[in-house]
Amino acid sequence: MSEILHRLPEFIGNHPFLSFGFIGVLVALVALEFGRLTRGYTALTPAGLTQLINRNNALLIDVSSIQDFEQGHIPGARHVAMSQFDPENKDLAKARELPVAVYCKSGQTSGLAAKRLKKAGFTQVYTLEGGLRSWSEAQLPLAKGRA
């Protein structure tokens, strides 16, 4: 081990781009993991979301567009367009202590909704990793229409 540390300055001097590239990737990974740990909500796989729904009777909110919702959504989900999403809504505020799972078509928009829920004081907030696409790829059931 001491031999490696002894020759490290020589390696860095001979390969500066490789060394800086390694440091850049390392910093990016640490920042990504730190962000994941401090975001306040948990991303679930389709199997994890299924367990949450079955065991804890989680409130499921779909924040995709109404067209995407009507084409297919997780059974039992409520549709709330992201433009109208308000964590302070009196109906939603009743669920502050209950598990709330938010998802969208691809998994991008639901992260914003989850952050707003956490900021509003919700204690158990989850997102579906990969969105409805991952749910469909896992061949789990979809409901169609508004209901």
N, C-alpha and C. Protein backbone atom coordinates (compact mmCIF):
# COMPACT_ATOMS: atom_id res chain seq x y z
N MET A 1 0.82 -1.19 0.00
CA MET A 1 0.00 0.00 0.00
C MET A 1 0.87 1.26 0.00
N SER A 2 1.94 1.25 0.79
CA SER A 2 2.80 2.43 0.84
C SER A 2 3.51 2.65 -0.50
N GLU A 3 3.74 1.57 -1.25
CA GLU A 3 4.36 1.69 -2.57
C GLU A 3 3.43 2.45 -3.52
N ILE A 4 2.14 2.14 -3.42
CA ILE A 4 1.16 2.82 -4.27
C ILE A 4 1.12 4.31 -3.94
N LEU A 5 1.03 4.62 -2.66
CA LEU A 5 1.00 6.03 -2.24
C LEU A 5 2.29 6.76 -2.59
N HIS A 6 3.39 6.05 -2.55
CA HIS A 6 4.69 6.64 -2.89
C HIS A 6 4.76 7.00 -4.37
N ARG A 7 4.13 6.18 -5.23
CA ARG A 7 4.20 6.42 -6.68
C ARG A 7 3.02 7.24 -7.21
N LEU A 8 2.07 7.58 -6.35
CA LEU A 8 0.89 8.34 -6.77
C LEU A 8 1.25 9.70 -7.36
N PRO A 9 2.11 10.52 -6.76
CA PRO A 9 2.46 11.81 -7.39
C PRO A 9 3.06 11.65 -8.79
N GLU A 10 3.84 10.62 -8.99
CA GLU A 10 4.42 10.37 -10.31
C GLU A 10 3.32 10.04 -11.32
N PHE A 11 2.35 9.21 -10.91
CA PHE A 11 1.24 8.85 -11.80
C PHE A 11 0.43 10.10 -12.16
N ILE A 12 0.12 10.93 -11.16
CA ILE A 12 -0.67 12.14 -11.41
C ILE A 12 0.09 13.08 -12.35
N GLY A 13 1.39 13.18 -12.16
CA GLY A 13 2.20 14.03 -13.03
C GLY A 13 2.25 13.52 -14.45
N ASN A 14 2.25 12.21 -14.65
CA ASN A 14 2.31 11.63 -15.99
C ASN A 14 0.94 11.55 -16.67
N HIS A 15 -0.14 11.55 -15.87
CA HIS A 15 -1.49 11.39 -16.42
C HIS A 15 -2.45 12.42 -15.80
N PRO A 16 -2.24 13.72 -16.08
CA PRO A 16 -3.09 14.73 -15.41
C PRO A 16 -4.56 14.68 -15.84
N PHE A 17 -4.83 14.43 -17.13
CA PHE A 17 -6.23 14.40 -17.58
C PHE A 17 -6.97 13.22 -16.97
N LEU A 18 -6.33 12.08 -16.91
CA LEU A 18 -6.94 10.91 -16.29
C LEU A 18 -7.19 11.15 -14.81
N SER A 19 -6.26 11.78 -14.14
CA SER A 19 -6.40 12.06 -12.71
C SER A 19 -7.53 13.05 -12.44
N PHE A 20 -7.59 14.14 -13.23
CA PHE A 20 -8.66 15.12 -13.05
C PHE A 20 -10.02 14.52 -13.43
N GLY A 21 -10.04 13.67 -14.43
CA GLY A 21 -11.28 12.99 -14.80
C GLY A 21 -11.78 12.11 -13.67
N PHE A 22 -10.88 11.38 -13.04
CA PHE A 22 -11.25 10.53 -11.91
C PHE A 22 -11.79 11.37 -10.75
N ILE A 23 -11.13 12.47 -10.45
CA ILE A 23 -11.59 13.34 -9.36
C ILE A 23 -12.95 13.93 -9.69
N GLY A 24 -13.16 14.32 -10.95
CA GLY A 24 -14.46 14.86 -11.36
C GLY A 24 -15.59 13.85 -11.21
N VAL A 25 -15.34 12.62 -11.64
CA VAL A 25 -16.36 11.56 -11.51
C VAL A 25 -16.63 11.26 -10.03
N LEU A 26 -15.60 11.24 -9.23
CA LEU A 26 -15.75 10.98 -7.80
C LEU A 26 -16.59 12.07 -7.12
N VAL A 27 -16.31 13.32 -7.44
CA VAL A 27 -17.07 14.44 -6.87
C VAL A 27 -18.53 14.37 -7.32
N ALA A 28 -18.77 14.04 -8.59
CA ALA A 28 -20.13 13.94 -9.10
C ALA A 28 -20.91 12.83 -8.39
N LEU A 29 -20.28 11.69 -8.17
CA LEU A 29 -20.94 10.59 -7.48
C LEU A 29 -21.27 10.94 -6.04
N VAL A 30 -20.36 11.59 -5.35
CA VAL A 30 -20.61 12.00 -3.96
C VAL A 30 -21.75 13.01 -3.91
N ALA A 31 -21.77 13.96 -4.82
CA ALA A 31 -22.84 14.96 -4.86
C ALA A 31 -24.19 14.31 -5.16
N LEU A 32 -24.21 13.37 -6.08
CA LEU A 32 -25.45 12.67 -6.43
C LEU A 32 -25.99 11.88 -5.24
N GLU A 33 -25.13 11.16 -4.57
CA GLU A 33 -25.56 10.39 -3.39
C GLU A 33 -26.01 11.30 -2.26
N PHE A 34 -25.32 12.39 -2.05
CA PHE A 34 -25.71 13.34 -1.00
C PHE A 34 -27.09 13.92 -1.31
N GLY A 35 -27.32 14.26 -2.56
CA GLY A 35 -28.62 14.79 -2.98
C GLY A 35 -29.73 13.76 -2.79
N ARG A 36 -29.44 12.51 -3.10
CA ARG A 36 -30.43 11.45 -2.93
C ARG A 36 -30.78 11.26 -1.46
N LEU A 37 -29.80 11.34 -0.60
CA LEU A 37 -30.03 11.13 0.83
C LEU A 37 -30.74 12.30 1.50
N THR A 38 -30.60 13.49 0.97
CA THR A 38 -31.19 14.67 1.61
C THR A 38 -32.48 15.15 0.94
N ARG A 39 -32.97 14.45 -0.07
CA ARG A 39 -34.16 14.93 -0.77
C ARG A 39 -35.44 14.76 0.04
N GLY A 40 -35.47 13.84 1.00
CA GLY A 40 -36.61 13.74 1.90
C GLY A 40 -37.69 12.77 1.49
N TYR A 41 -37.64 12.22 0.32
CA TYR A 41 -38.62 11.22 -0.10
C TYR A 41 -37.90 10.00 -0.62
N THR A 42 -38.64 8.90 -0.73
CA THR A 42 -38.06 7.63 -1.13
C THR A 42 -38.57 7.23 -2.51
N ALA A 43 -37.67 6.83 -3.38
CA ALA A 43 -38.06 6.31 -4.69
C ALA A 43 -38.25 4.80 -4.57
N LEU A 44 -39.39 4.32 -5.06
CA LEU A 44 -39.72 2.90 -4.98
C LEU A 44 -39.74 2.26 -6.35
N THR A 45 -39.41 0.99 -6.39
CA THR A 45 -39.58 0.20 -7.61
C THR A 45 -41.07 -0.15 -7.72
N PRO A 46 -41.51 -0.65 -8.87
CA PRO A 46 -42.91 -1.07 -8.97
C PRO A 46 -43.29 -2.11 -7.90
N ALA A 47 -42.40 -3.04 -7.61
CA ALA A 47 -42.69 -4.05 -6.58
C ALA A 47 -42.81 -3.39 -5.21
N GLY A 48 -41.94 -2.43 -4.91
CA GLY A 48 -42.00 -1.71 -3.64
C GLY A 48 -43.27 -0.90 -3.51
N LEU A 49 -43.71 -0.28 -4.60
CA LEU A 49 -44.95 0.49 -4.57
C LEU A 49 -46.15 -0.43 -4.37
N THR A 50 -46.13 -1.59 -5.00
CA THR A 50 -47.20 -2.56 -4.83
C THR A 50 -47.31 -2.97 -3.36
N GLN A 51 -46.18 -3.22 -2.73
CA GLN A 51 -46.19 -3.57 -1.30
C GLN A 51 -46.72 -2.42 -0.46
N LEU A 52 -46.31 -1.21 -0.76
CA LEU A 52 -46.79 -0.04 -0.01
C LEU A 52 -48.31 0.11 -0.14
N ILE A 53 -48.83 -0.08 -1.34
CA ILE A 53 -50.27 0.02 -1.57
C ILE A 53 -51.01 -1.07 -0.80
N ASN A 54 -50.52 -2.30 -0.91
CA ASN A 54 -51.21 -3.43 -0.28
C ASN A 54 -51.10 -3.44 1.24
N ARG A 55 -49.96 -3.08 1.79
CA ARG A 55 -49.75 -3.16 3.24
C ARG A 55 -50.17 -1.90 3.99
N ASN A 56 -49.96 -0.74 3.38
CA ASN A 56 -50.18 0.52 4.09
C ASN A 56 -51.32 1.36 3.54
N ASN A 57 -52.01 0.85 2.51
CA ASN A 57 -53.13 1.58 1.91
C ASN A 57 -52.73 3.01 1.55
N ALA A 58 -51.65 3.13 0.81
CA ALA A 58 -51.10 4.44 0.45
C ALA A 58 -52.02 5.22 -0.49
N LEU A 59 -52.02 6.52 -0.32
CA LEU A 59 -52.71 7.41 -1.25
C LEU A 59 -51.83 7.54 -2.48
N LEU A 60 -52.40 7.29 -3.65
CA LEU A 60 -51.66 7.28 -4.90
C LEU A 60 -52.09 8.47 -5.75
N ILE A 61 -51.15 9.32 -6.12
CA ILE A 61 -51.45 10.53 -6.89
C ILE A 61 -50.68 10.50 -8.20
N ASP A 62 -51.40 10.66 -9.31
CA ASP A 62 -50.82 10.72 -10.64
C ASP A 62 -50.78 12.19 -11.06
N VAL A 63 -49.59 12.72 -11.31
CA VAL A 63 -49.45 14.13 -11.68
C VAL A 63 -49.17 14.32 -13.17
N SER A 64 -49.45 13.28 -13.98
CA SER A 64 -49.27 13.44 -15.42
C SER A 64 -50.43 14.24 -16.02
N SER A 65 -50.35 14.47 -17.30
CA SER A 65 -51.42 15.20 -17.97
C SER A 65 -52.69 14.35 -17.97
N ILE A 66 -53.82 14.98 -18.15
CA ILE A 66 -55.10 14.26 -18.16
C ILE A 66 -55.16 13.25 -19.30
N GLN A 67 -54.54 13.58 -20.45
CA GLN A 67 -54.52 12.65 -21.58
C GLN A 67 -53.74 11.38 -21.22
N ASP A 68 -52.57 11.56 -20.58
CA ASP A 68 -51.78 10.41 -20.17
C ASP A 68 -52.51 9.58 -19.12
N PHE A 69 -53.19 10.27 -18.20
CA PHE A 69 -53.94 9.58 -17.15
C PHE A 69 -55.05 8.73 -17.76
N GLU A 70 -55.77 9.28 -18.73
CA GLU A 70 -56.87 8.54 -19.35
C GLU A 70 -56.38 7.36 -20.19
N GLN A 71 -55.18 7.47 -20.75
CA GLN A 71 -54.62 6.37 -21.53
C GLN A 71 -54.23 5.19 -20.65
N GLY A 72 -53.88 5.46 -19.41
CA GLY A 72 -53.53 4.39 -18.49
C GLY A 72 -52.95 4.93 -17.21
N HIS A 73 -53.42 4.38 -16.09
CA HIS A 73 -52.92 4.78 -14.78
C HIS A 73 -52.99 3.59 -13.83
N ILE A 74 -52.34 3.71 -12.70
CA ILE A 74 -52.36 2.65 -11.71
C ILE A 74 -53.76 2.62 -11.08
N PRO A 75 -54.37 1.45 -10.98
CA PRO A 75 -55.71 1.37 -10.39
C PRO A 75 -55.74 1.99 -8.99
N GLY A 76 -56.75 2.81 -8.76
CA GLY A 76 -56.91 3.46 -7.46
C GLY A 76 -56.22 4.82 -7.35
N ALA A 77 -55.50 5.22 -8.39
CA ALA A 77 -54.80 6.50 -8.35
C ALA A 77 -55.76 7.65 -8.58
N ARG A 78 -55.44 8.78 -7.97
CA ARG A 78 -56.20 10.01 -8.19
C ARG A 78 -55.37 10.91 -9.10
N HIS A 79 -56.04 11.56 -10.03
CA HIS A 79 -55.32 12.45 -10.93
C HIS A 79 -55.36 13.88 -10.41
N VAL A 80 -54.18 14.49 -10.34
CA VAL A 80 -54.05 15.91 -10.03
C VAL A 80 -52.99 16.44 -10.97
N ALA A 81 -53.38 17.32 -11.88
CA ALA A 81 -52.41 17.89 -12.81
C ALA A 81 -51.36 18.67 -12.03
N MET A 82 -50.13 18.61 -12.48
CA MET A 82 -49.04 19.29 -11.76
C MET A 82 -49.32 20.79 -11.66
N SER A 83 -49.97 21.36 -12.65
CA SER A 83 -50.28 22.79 -12.62
C SER A 83 -51.29 23.12 -11.52
N GLN A 84 -52.06 22.14 -11.07
CA GLN A 84 -53.05 22.35 -10.02
C GLN A 84 -52.67 21.66 -8.72
N PHE A 85 -51.47 21.12 -8.64
CA PHE A 85 -51.03 20.37 -7.47
C PHE A 85 -50.77 21.32 -6.31
N ASP A 86 -51.52 21.14 -5.24
CA ASP A 86 -51.39 21.99 -4.06
C ASP A 86 -51.38 21.13 -2.80
N PRO A 87 -50.22 20.94 -2.18
CA PRO A 87 -50.15 20.13 -0.97
C PRO A 87 -50.96 20.70 0.20
N GLU A 88 -51.32 21.98 0.13
CA GLU A 88 -52.09 22.61 1.21
C GLU A 88 -53.60 22.42 1.00
N ASN A 89 -54.02 21.76 -0.08
CA ASN A 89 -55.43 21.50 -0.34
C ASN A 89 -56.03 20.76 0.86
N LYS A 90 -57.26 21.12 1.26
CA LYS A 90 -57.85 20.56 2.48
C LYS A 90 -58.04 19.05 2.38
N ASP A 91 -58.36 18.53 1.19
CA ASP A 91 -58.52 17.08 1.05
C ASP A 91 -57.18 16.35 1.16
N LEU A 92 -56.16 16.94 0.59
CA LEU A 92 -54.84 16.33 0.63
C LEU A 92 -54.19 16.50 2.01
N ALA A 93 -54.47 17.60 2.66
CA ALA A 93 -53.88 17.87 3.97
C ALA A 93 -54.31 16.84 5.01
N LYS A 94 -55.46 16.19 4.80
CA LYS A 94 -55.92 15.15 5.73
C LYS A 94 -54.97 13.94 5.73
N ALA A 95 -54.19 13.79 4.69
CA ALA A 95 -53.32 12.63 4.54
C ALA A 95 -51.88 12.90 4.95
N ARG A 96 -51.64 13.93 5.75
CA ARG A 96 -50.26 14.30 6.12
C ARG A 96 -49.49 13.15 6.79
N GLU A 97 -50.15 12.35 7.58
CA GLU A 97 -49.48 11.28 8.31
C GLU A 97 -49.54 9.94 7.57
N LEU A 98 -50.31 9.88 6.49
CA LEU A 98 -50.44 8.64 5.73
C LEU A 98 -49.35 8.56 4.66
N PRO A 99 -49.04 7.35 4.19
CA PRO A 99 -48.10 7.24 3.07
C PRO A 99 -48.73 7.80 1.80
N VAL A 100 -48.00 8.65 1.10
CA VAL A 100 -48.45 9.25 -0.15
C VAL A 100 -47.42 8.92 -1.22
N ALA A 101 -47.89 8.29 -2.29
CA ALA A 101 -47.01 7.94 -3.41
C ALA A 101 -47.41 8.78 -4.62
N VAL A 102 -46.44 9.43 -5.22
CA VAL A 102 -46.67 10.30 -6.37
C VAL A 102 -45.95 9.70 -7.57
N TYR A 103 -46.62 9.71 -8.71
CA TYR A 103 -45.95 9.23 -9.92
C TYR A 103 -46.44 10.03 -11.12
N CYS A 104 -45.69 9.93 -12.20
CA CYS A 104 -46.05 10.56 -13.47
C CYS A 104 -45.69 9.59 -14.59
N LYS A 105 -45.71 10.05 -15.79
CA LYS A 105 -45.45 9.17 -16.93
C LYS A 105 -44.02 8.63 -16.92
N SER A 106 -43.05 9.52 -16.70
CA SER A 106 -41.64 9.11 -16.82
C SER A 106 -40.88 9.11 -15.50
N GLY A 107 -41.43 9.72 -14.46
CA GLY A 107 -40.73 9.78 -13.18
C GLY A 107 -40.02 11.09 -12.92
N GLN A 108 -40.08 12.03 -13.84
CA GLN A 108 -39.39 13.31 -13.68
C GLN A 108 -40.22 14.32 -12.89
N THR A 109 -41.46 14.49 -13.26
CA THR A 109 -42.34 15.49 -12.63
C THR A 109 -42.71 15.09 -11.21
N SER A 110 -42.81 13.81 -10.96
CA SER A 110 -43.23 13.36 -9.63
C SER A 110 -42.23 13.75 -8.55
N GLY A 111 -40.97 13.89 -8.88
CA GLY A 111 -39.97 14.34 -7.90
C GLY A 111 -40.27 15.75 -7.41
N LEU A 112 -40.71 16.62 -8.31
CA LEU A 112 -41.07 17.98 -7.92
C LEU A 112 -42.27 17.98 -6.98
N ALA A 113 -43.27 17.15 -7.30
CA ALA A 113 -44.45 17.05 -6.44
C ALA A 113 -44.08 16.49 -5.08
N ALA A 114 -43.19 15.51 -5.04
CA ALA A 114 -42.77 14.92 -3.77
C ALA A 114 -42.04 15.94 -2.90
N LYS A 115 -41.21 16.76 -3.51
CA LYS A 115 -40.51 17.82 -2.76
C LYS A 115 -41.51 18.80 -2.16
N ARG A 116 -42.54 19.14 -2.92
CA ARG A 116 -43.56 20.06 -2.40
C ARG A 116 -44.33 19.44 -1.24
N LEU A 117 -44.60 18.14 -1.33
CA LEU A 117 -45.29 17.46 -0.23
C LEU A 117 -44.43 17.46 1.03
N LYS A 118 -43.16 17.16 0.89
CA LYS A 118 -42.26 17.15 2.06
C LYS A 118 -42.17 18.55 2.68
N LYS A 119 -42.09 19.55 1.84
CA LYS A 119 -42.01 20.93 2.32
C LYS A 119 -43.29 21.32 3.06
N ALA A 120 -44.42 20.75 2.66
CA ALA A 120 -45.71 21.05 3.29
C ALA A 120 -45.92 20.25 4.58
N GLY A 121 -44.97 19.38 4.94
CA GLY A 121 -45.07 18.66 6.21
C GLY A 121 -45.53 17.22 6.12
N PHE A 122 -45.64 16.66 4.93
CA PHE A 122 -46.01 15.26 4.80
C PHE A 122 -44.84 14.40 5.27
N THR A 123 -45.14 13.36 6.03
CA THR A 123 -44.07 12.58 6.66
C THR A 123 -43.63 11.37 5.85
N GLN A 124 -44.54 10.75 5.11
CA GLN A 124 -44.22 9.54 4.35
C GLN A 124 -44.49 9.79 2.87
N VAL A 125 -43.48 10.23 2.15
CA VAL A 125 -43.63 10.57 0.74
C VAL A 125 -42.77 9.64 -0.11
N TYR A 126 -43.37 9.12 -1.17
CA TYR A 126 -42.70 8.17 -2.05
C TYR A 126 -42.94 8.58 -3.51
N THR A 127 -42.04 8.18 -4.37
CA THR A 127 -42.23 8.33 -5.81
C THR A 127 -42.01 6.96 -6.46
N LEU A 128 -42.57 6.79 -7.64
CA LEU A 128 -42.36 5.58 -8.42
C LEU A 128 -41.16 5.80 -9.33
N GLU A 129 -40.10 5.09 -9.05
CA GLU A 129 -38.87 5.22 -9.83
C GLU A 129 -39.14 4.78 -11.28
N GLY A 130 -38.90 5.67 -12.22
CA GLY A 130 -39.14 5.36 -13.62
C GLY A 130 -40.56 5.66 -14.08
N GLY A 131 -41.40 6.09 -13.16
CA GLY A 131 -42.77 6.47 -13.50
C GLY A 131 -43.63 5.32 -13.98
N LEU A 132 -44.70 5.68 -14.66
CA LEU A 132 -45.65 4.69 -15.15
C LEU A 132 -45.01 3.74 -16.16
N ARG A 133 -43.97 4.20 -16.83
CA ARG A 133 -43.27 3.32 -17.78
C ARG A 133 -42.70 2.10 -17.07
N SER A 134 -42.09 2.30 -15.90
CA SER A 134 -41.53 1.16 -15.17
C SER A 134 -42.64 0.24 -14.67
N TRP A 135 -43.79 0.82 -14.31
CA TRP A 135 -44.95 0.03 -13.88
C TRP A 135 -45.43 -0.85 -15.04
N SER A 136 -45.52 -0.27 -16.22
CA SER A 136 -45.95 -1.02 -17.41
C SER A 136 -44.94 -2.09 -17.79
N GLU A 137 -43.66 -1.76 -17.71
CA GLU A 137 -42.61 -2.72 -18.05
C GLU A 137 -42.61 -3.90 -17.10
N ALA A 138 -43.06 -3.69 -15.86
CA ALA A 138 -43.16 -4.78 -14.90
C ALA A 138 -44.43 -5.59 -15.11
N GLN A 139 -45.21 -5.22 -16.12
CA GLN A 139 -46.44 -5.89 -16.52
C GLN A 139 -47.47 -5.91 -15.39
N LEU A 140 -47.57 -4.80 -14.70
CA LEU A 140 -48.56 -4.65 -13.63
C LEU A 140 -49.82 -4.01 -14.24
N PRO A 141 -50.95 -4.19 -13.61
CA PRO A 141 -52.22 -3.76 -14.21
C PRO A 141 -52.35 -2.24 -14.35
N LEU A 142 -53.05 -1.83 -15.40
CA LEU A 142 -53.35 -0.43 -15.66
C LEU A 142 -54.86 -0.27 -15.80
N ALA A 143 -55.36 0.85 -15.33
CA ALA A 143 -56.76 1.20 -15.54
C ALA A 143 -56.80 2.27 -16.62
N LYS A 144 -57.88 2.33 -17.36
CA LYS A 144 -58.02 3.32 -18.43
C LYS A 144 -59.21 4.20 -18.14
N GLY A 145 -59.22 5.39 -18.69
CA GLY A 145 -60.32 6.31 -18.50
C GLY A 145 -60.11 7.20 -17.27
N ARG A 146 -61.15 7.90 -16.86
CA ARG A 146 -61.04 8.84 -15.75
C ARG A 146 -61.17 8.18 -14.39
N ALA A 147 -61.84 7.09 -14.30
CA ALA A 147 -62.09 6.45 -13.00
C ALA A 147 -60.92 5.67 -12.50
